[in-house]
Structures are given as structure tokens and as C-alpha cells.
Amino acid sequence: NIRKSNKLTQKQLAKEIGIAECVYQRYERDV
């Protein structure tokens, strides 16, 4: 919800904080 309210894609946010997109996706999938 925070990411979407800031109009960011998972890829954009992952890049901004210095992690791989697939790692970020695991956070949102609660893996």
C-alpha cells in the first residue's frame, strides 16, 4: 500500500533501495 500510494513499481522501489526486484517481490508476497 505504501509503495502504490507513492506510485512506484516494485522494480523502481527495489532499485531505489539497492536490492533485486525478485527480493522485493518476496516481501510483498510475505515469503
All heavy atoms as atom14 arrays in JSON, in Angstrom:
{
  "sequence": "NIRKSNKLTQKQLAKEIGIAECVYQRYERDV",
  "atom14_mask": [
    [1, 1, 1, 1, 1, 1, 1, 1, 0, 0, 0, 0, 0, 0],
    [1, 1, 1, 1, 1, 1, 1, 1, 0, 0, 0, 0, 0, 0],
    [1, 1, 1, 1, 1, 1, 1, 1, 1, 1, 1, 0, 0, 0],
    [1, 1, 1, 1, 1, 1, 1, 1, 1, 0, 0, 0, 0, 0],
    [1, 1, 1, 1, 1, 1, 0, 0, 0, 0, 0, 0, 0, 0],
    [1, 1, 1, 1, 1, 1, 1, 1, 0, 0, 0, 0, 0, 0],
    [1, 1, 1, 1, 1, 1, 1, 1, 1, 0, 0, 0, 0, 0],
    [1, 1, 1, 1, 1, 1, 1, 1, 0, 0, 0, 0, 0, 0],
    [1, 1, 1, 1, 1, 1, 1, 0, 0, 0, 0, 0, 0, 0],
    [1, 1, 1, 1, 1, 1, 1, 1, 1, 0, 0, 0, 0, 0],
    [1, 1, 1, 1, 1, 1, 1, 1, 1, 0, 0, 0, 0, 0],
    [1, 1, 1, 1, 1, 1, 1, 1, 1, 0, 0, 0, 0, 0],
    [1, 1, 1, 1, 1, 1, 1, 1, 0, 0, 0, 0, 0, 0],
    [1, 1, 1, 1, 1, 0, 0, 0, 0, 0, 0, 0, 0, 0],
    [1, 1, 1, 1, 1, 1, 1, 1, 1, 0, 0, 0, 0, 0],
    [1, 1, 1, 1, 1, 1, 1, 1, 1, 0, 0, 0, 0, 0],
    [1, 1, 1, 1, 1, 1, 1, 1, 0, 0, 0, 0, 0, 0],
    [1, 1, 1, 1, 0, 0, 0, 0, 0, 0, 0, 0, 0, 0],
    [1, 1, 1, 1, 1, 1, 1, 1, 0, 0, 0, 0, 0, 0],
    [1, 1, 1, 1, 1, 0, 0, 0, 0, 0, 0, 0, 0, 0],
    [1, 1, 1, 1, 1, 1, 1, 1, 1, 0, 0, 0, 0, 0],
    [1, 1, 1, 1, 1, 1, 0, 0, 0, 0, 0, 0, 0, 0],
    [1, 1, 1, 1, 1, 1, 1, 0, 0, 0, 0, 0, 0, 0],
    [1, 1, 1, 1, 1, 1, 1, 1, 1, 1, 1, 1, 0, 0],
    [1, 1, 1, 1, 1, 1, 1, 1, 1, 0, 0, 0, 0, 0],
    [1, 1, 1, 1, 1, 1, 1, 1, 1, 1, 1, 0, 0, 0],
    [1, 1, 1, 1, 1, 1, 1, 1, 1, 1, 1, 1, 0, 0],
    [1, 1, 1, 1, 1, 1, 1, 1, 1, 0, 0, 0, 0, 0],
    [1, 1, 1, 1, 1, 1, 1, 1, 1, 1, 1, 0, 0, 0],
    [1, 1, 1, 1, 1, 1, 1, 1, 0, 0, 0, 0, 0, 0],
    [1, 1, 1, 1, 1, 1, 1, 0, 0, 0, 0, 0, 0, 0]
  ],
  "atom14_positions": [
    [[0.82, -1.21, 0.0], [0.0, 0.0, 0.0], [0.85, 1.26, 0.0], [0.54, 2.23, -0.71], [-0.95, 0.01, 1.2], [-2.05, -1.0, 1.07], [-2.38, -1.47, -0.02], [-2.62, -1.39, 2.2], [0.0, 0.0, 0.0], [0.0, 0.0, 0.0], [0.0, 0.0, 0.0], [0.0, 0.0, 0.0], [0.0, 0.0, 0.0], [0.0, 0.0, 0.0]],
    [[1.92, 1.26, 0.77], [2.82, 2.42, 0.8], [3.44, 2.62, -0.57], [3.48, 3.74, -1.09], [3.91, 2.25, 1.88], [3.3, 2.27, 3.28], [4.98, 3.34, 1.74], [4.27, 1.88, 4.38], [0.0, 0.0, 0.0], [0.0, 0.0, 0.0], [0.0, 0.0, 0.0], [0.0, 0.0, 0.0], [0.0, 0.0, 0.0], [0.0, 0.0, 0.0]],
    [[3.93, 1.54, -1.17], [4.56, 1.64, -2.5], [3.57, 2.17, -3.52], [3.87, 3.12, -4.27], [5.08, 0.28, -2.94], [5.66, 0.3, -4.35], [6.11, -1.06, -4.82], [5.1, -2.08, -4.83], [4.16, -2.23, -5.78], [4.09, -1.39, -6.79], [3.28, -3.22, -5.71], [0.0, 0.0, 0.0], [0.0, 0.0, 0.0], [0.0, 0.0, 0.0]],
    [[2.37, 1.61, -3.54], [1.38, 2.03, -4.53], [0.92, 3.47, -4.3], [0.69, 4.2, -5.26], [0.18, 1.09, -4.51], [0.48, -0.24, -5.17], [-0.77, -1.07, -5.29], [-0.52, -2.25, -6.21], [-1.77, -2.87, -6.61], [0.0, 0.0, 0.0], [0.0, 0.0, 0.0], [0.0, 0.0, 0.0], [0.0, 0.0, 0.0], [0.0, 0.0, 0.0]],
    [[0.8, 3.89, -3.06], [0.39, 5.26, -2.78], [1.45, 6.27, -3.22], [1.15, 7.44, -3.44], [0.05, 5.45, -1.3], [1.21, 5.41, -0.5], [0.0, 0.0, 0.0], [0.0, 0.0, 0.0], [0.0, 0.0, 0.0], [0.0, 0.0, 0.0], [0.0, 0.0, 0.0], [0.0, 0.0, 0.0], [0.0, 0.0, 0.0], [0.0, 0.0, 0.0]],
    [[2.68, 5.8, -3.38], [3.77, 6.64, -3.89], [3.99, 6.44, -5.38], [4.98, 6.92, -5.93], [5.05, 6.36, -3.11], [5.04, 7.02, -1.76], [5.44, 8.16, -1.62], [4.57, 6.31, -0.75], [0.0, 0.0, 0.0], [0.0, 0.0, 0.0], [0.0, 0.0, 0.0], [0.0, 0.0, 0.0], [0.0, 0.0, 0.0], [0.0, 0.0, 0.0]],
    [[3.06, 5.7, -6.01], [3.07, 5.49, -7.46], [4.39, 4.92, -7.98], [4.95, 5.39, -8.97], [2.7, 6.77, -8.2], [1.3, 7.27, -7.88], [0.99, 8.55, -8.59], [-0.43, 9.01, -8.42], [-0.88, 9.32, -7.12], [0.0, 0.0, 0.0], [0.0, 0.0, 0.0], [0.0, 0.0, 0.0], [0.0, 0.0, 0.0], [0.0, 0.0, 0.0]],
    [[4.87, 3.89, -7.28], [6.12, 3.22, -7.67], [5.83, 1.79, -8.07], [4.95, 1.14, -7.51], [7.09, 3.2, -6.49], [7.66, 4.52, -6.02], [8.33, 4.35, -4.67], [8.65, 5.06, -7.03], [0.0, 0.0, 0.0], [0.0, 0.0, 0.0], [0.0, 0.0, 0.0], [0.0, 0.0, 0.0], [0.0, 0.0, 0.0], [0.0, 0.0, 0.0]],
    [[6.61, 1.29, -9.02], [6.56, -0.14, -9.33], [7.5, -0.85, -8.36], [8.36, -0.23, -7.72], [7.02, -0.42, -10.77], [8.4, -0.07, -10.89], [6.18, 0.35, -11.79], [0.0, 0.0, 0.0], [0.0, 0.0, 0.0], [0.0, 0.0, 0.0], [0.0, 0.0, 0.0], [0.0, 0.0, 0.0], [0.0, 0.0, 0.0], [0.0, 0.0, 0.0]],
    [[7.35, -2.16, -8.29], [8.27, -2.94, -7.47], [9.69, -2.77, -7.96], [10.62, -2.63, -7.15], [7.87, -4.42, -7.49], [6.57, -4.71, -6.8], [6.17, -6.16, -6.9], [6.58, -6.88, -7.81], [5.35, -6.61, -5.97], [0.0, 0.0, 0.0], [0.0, 0.0, 0.0], [0.0, 0.0, 0.0], [0.0, 0.0, 0.0], [0.0, 0.0, 0.0]],
    [[9.87, -2.76, -9.26], [11.2, -2.61, -9.85], [11.83, -1.27, -9.48], [13.01, -1.2, -9.12], [11.1, -2.74, -11.37], [12.42, -2.72, -12.08], [12.23, -2.98, -13.56], [13.57, -3.15, -14.25], [13.41, -3.62, -15.63], [0.0, 0.0, 0.0], [0.0, 0.0, 0.0], [0.0, 0.0, 0.0], [0.0, 0.0, 0.0], [0.0, 0.0, 0.0]],
    [[11.04, -0.2, -9.56], [11.55, 1.14, -9.23], [11.99, 1.2, -7.77], [13.07, 1.72, -7.46], [10.48, 2.2, -9.49], [10.19, 2.45, -10.93], [8.94, 3.32, -11.11], [7.97, 3.2, -10.37], [8.99, 4.19, -12.11], [0.0, 0.0, 0.0], [0.0, 0.0, 0.0], [0.0, 0.0, 0.0], [0.0, 0.0, 0.0], [0.0, 0.0, 0.0]],
    [[11.14, 0.71, -6.88], [11.46, 0.78, -5.46], [12.68, -0.07, -5.11], [13.56, 0.37, -4.37], [10.26, 0.37, -4.61], [10.45, 0.46, -3.1], [10.97, 1.83, -2.67], [9.16, 0.11, -2.38], [0.0, 0.0, 0.0], [0.0, 0.0, 0.0], [0.0, 0.0, 0.0], [0.0, 0.0, 0.0], [0.0, 0.0, 0.0], [0.0, 0.0, 0.0]],
    [[12.73, -1.26, -5.67], [13.88, -2.13, -5.41], [15.17, -1.44, -5.83], [16.16, -1.46, -5.09], [13.71, -3.45, -6.15], [0.0, 0.0, 0.0], [0.0, 0.0, 0.0], [0.0, 0.0, 0.0], [0.0, 0.0, 0.0], [0.0, 0.0, 0.0], [0.0, 0.0, 0.0], [0.0, 0.0, 0.0], [0.0, 0.0, 0.0], [0.0, 0.0, 0.0]],
    [[15.15, -0.82, -6.99], [16.34, -0.12, -7.48], [16.72, 1.04, -6.54], [17.9, 1.23, -6.23], [16.11, 0.4, -8.89], [17.31, 1.08, -9.49], [17.05, 1.52, -10.92], [18.29, 2.21, -11.47], [18.1, 2.67, -12.84], [0.0, 0.0, 0.0], [0.0, 0.0, 0.0], [0.0, 0.0, 0.0], [0.0, 0.0, 0.0], [0.0, 0.0, 0.0]],
    [[15.72, 1.78, -6.1], [15.96, 2.93, -5.22], [16.62, 2.54, -3.9], [17.42, 3.29, -3.37], [14.66, 3.69, -4.95], [14.14, 4.46, -6.13], [15.02, 5.64, -6.52], [15.67, 6.25, -5.64], [15.07, 5.94, -7.72], [0.0, 0.0, 0.0], [0.0, 0.0, 0.0], [0.0, 0.0, 0.0], [0.0, 0.0, 0.0], [0.0, 0.0, 0.0]],
    [[16.26, 1.36, -3.38], [16.82, 0.97, -2.09], [17.97, -0.03, -2.22], [18.52, -0.49, -1.22], [15.74, 0.43, -1.12], [15.09, -0.84, -1.65], [14.71, 1.51, -0.82], [14.22, -1.55, -0.62], [0.0, 0.0, 0.0], [0.0, 0.0, 0.0], [0.0, 0.0, 0.0], [0.0, 0.0, 0.0], [0.0, 0.0, 0.0], [0.0, 0.0, 0.0]],
    [[18.34, -0.35, -3.47], [19.53, -1.15, -3.7], [19.39, -2.64, -3.52], [20.34, -3.3, -3.07], [0.0, 0.0, 0.0], [0.0, 0.0, 0.0], [0.0, 0.0, 0.0], [0.0, 0.0, 0.0], [0.0, 0.0, 0.0], [0.0, 0.0, 0.0], [0.0, 0.0, 0.0], [0.0, 0.0, 0.0], [0.0, 0.0, 0.0], [0.0, 0.0, 0.0]],
    [[18.21, -3.19, -3.85], [18.02, -4.64, -3.78], [17.47, -5.13, -5.11], [16.98, -4.34, -5.92], [17.08, -5.06, -2.62], [15.68, -4.48, -2.81], [17.68, -4.67, -1.27], [14.66, -4.99, -1.81], [0.0, 0.0, 0.0], [0.0, 0.0, 0.0], [0.0, 0.0, 0.0], [0.0, 0.0, 0.0], [0.0, 0.0, 0.0], [0.0, 0.0, 0.0]],
    [[17.51, -6.43, -5.31], [16.98, -7.02, -6.53], [15.45, -6.99, -6.49], [14.84, -7.14, -5.42], [17.47, -8.45, -6.69], [0.0, 0.0, 0.0], [0.0, 0.0, 0.0], [0.0, 0.0, 0.0], [0.0, 0.0, 0.0], [0.0, 0.0, 0.0], [0.0, 0.0, 0.0], [0.0, 0.0, 0.0], [0.0, 0.0, 0.0], [0.0, 0.0, 0.0]],
    [[14.84, -6.83, -7.66], [13.38, -6.8, -7.74], [12.77, -8.09, -7.18], [11.76, -8.04, -6.46], [12.95, -6.6, -9.19], [11.45, -6.55, -9.38], [11.04, -6.4, -10.83], [11.9, -6.4, -11.72], [9.82, -6.29, -11.06], [0.0, 0.0, 0.0], [0.0, 0.0, 0.0], [0.0, 0.0, 0.0], [0.0, 0.0, 0.0], [0.0, 0.0, 0.0]],
    [[13.37, -9.25, -7.49], [12.82, -10.52, -7.01], [12.84, -10.6, -5.48], [11.95, -11.2, -4.88], [13.51, -11.71, -7.65], [15.27, -11.84, -7.24], [0.0, 0.0, 0.0], [0.0, 0.0, 0.0], [0.0, 0.0, 0.0], [0.0, 0.0, 0.0], [0.0, 0.0, 0.0], [0.0, 0.0, 0.0], [0.0, 0.0, 0.0], [0.0, 0.0, 0.0]],
    [[13.83, -9.98, -4.87], [13.9, -9.95, -3.4], [12.76, -9.1, -2.86], [12.04, -9.5, -1.93], [15.26, -9.43, -2.91], [15.27, -9.23, -1.4], [16.38, -10.36, -3.34], [0.0, 0.0, 0.0], [0.0, 0.0, 0.0], [0.0, 0.0, 0.0], [0.0, 0.0, 0.0], [0.0, 0.0, 0.0], [0.0, 0.0, 0.0], [0.0, 0.0, 0.0]],
    [[12.55, -7.93, -3.45], [11.46, -7.06, -3.02], [10.11, -7.76, -3.18], [9.25, -7.67, -2.3], [11.47, -5.72, -3.77], [10.35, -4.85, -3.3], [10.47, -4.11, -2.14], [9.12, -4.84, -3.96], [9.41, -3.37, -1.65], [8.06, -4.12, -3.48], [8.21, -3.37, -2.33], [7.15, -2.67, -1.82], [0.0, 0.0, 0.0], [0.0, 0.0, 0.0]],
    [[9.92, -8.45, -4.29], [8.65, -9.14, -4.53], [8.35, -10.15, -3.42], [7.19, -10.33, -3.05], [8.69, -9.84, -5.89], [8.66, -8.88, -7.05], [8.95, -9.55, -8.38], [9.5, -10.65, -8.44], [8.6, -8.87, -9.46], [0.0, 0.0, 0.0], [0.0, 0.0, 0.0], [0.0, 0.0, 0.0], [0.0, 0.0, 0.0], [0.0, 0.0, 0.0]],
    [[9.38, -10.77, -2.89], [9.17, -11.73, -1.79], [8.62, -11.05, -0.55], [7.86, -11.65, 0.22], [10.48, -12.44, -1.46], [10.91, -13.39, -2.55], [12.19, -14.12, -2.17], [12.75, -14.77, -3.34], [14.0, -14.65, -3.74], [14.86, -13.92, -3.05], [14.41, -15.27, -4.82], [0.0, 0.0, 0.0], [0.0, 0.0, 0.0], [0.0, 0.0, 0.0]],
    [[9.0, -9.8, -0.32], [8.47, -9.06, 0.83], [6.96, -8.86, 0.66], [6.2, -9.04, 1.61], [9.14, -7.69, 0.99], [10.63, -7.72, 1.16], [11.4, -6.64, 0.76], [11.3, -8.82, 1.69], [12.78, -6.63, 0.91], [12.68, -8.83, 1.84], [13.4, -7.73, 1.44], [14.76, -7.72, 1.58], [0.0, 0.0, 0.0], [0.0, 0.0, 0.0]],
    [[6.53, -8.45, -0.52], [5.11, -8.19, -0.75], [4.29, -9.48, -0.81], [3.09, -9.44, -0.56], [4.91, -7.37, -2.02], [5.29, -5.92, -1.85], [4.79, -5.01, -2.94], [4.01, -5.45, -3.82], [5.18, -3.83, -2.94], [0.0, 0.0, 0.0], [0.0, 0.0, 0.0], [0.0, 0.0, 0.0], [0.0, 0.0, 0.0], [0.0, 0.0, 0.0]],
    [[4.91, -10.58, -1.13], [4.21, -11.87, -1.15], [4.27, -12.56, 0.21], [3.72, -13.64, 0.39], [4.79, -12.79, -2.22], [4.47, -12.35, -3.63], [4.76, -13.43, -4.67], [5.94, -14.23, -4.4], [7.1, -14.13, -5.04], [7.25, -13.26, -6.02], [8.11, -14.92, -4.72], [0.0, 0.0, 0.0], [0.0, 0.0, 0.0], [0.0, 0.0, 0.0]],
    [[4.92, -11.93, 1.17], [5.07, -12.45, 2.53], [5.82, -13.78, 2.56], [5.55, -14.65, 3.38], [3.71, -12.58, 3.22], [3.83, -12.59, 4.73], [4.82, -12.04, 5.26], [2.94, -13.15, 5.38], [0.0, 0.0, 0.0], [0.0, 0.0, 0.0], [0.0, 0.0, 0.0], [0.0, 0.0, 0.0], [0.0, 0.0, 0.0], [0.0, 0.0, 0.0]],
    [[6.78, -13.92, 1.63], [7.62, -15.11, 1.59], [8.79, -14.96, 2.56], [9.22, -15.93, 3.17], [8.13, -15.37, 0.15], [9.15, -16.49, 0.11], [6.97, -15.64, -0.79], [0.0, 0.0, 0.0], [0.0, 0.0, 0.0], [0.0, 0.0, 0.0], [0.0, 0.0, 0.0], [0.0, 0.0, 0.0], [0.0, 0.0, 0.0], [0.0, 0.0, 0.0]]
  ]
}
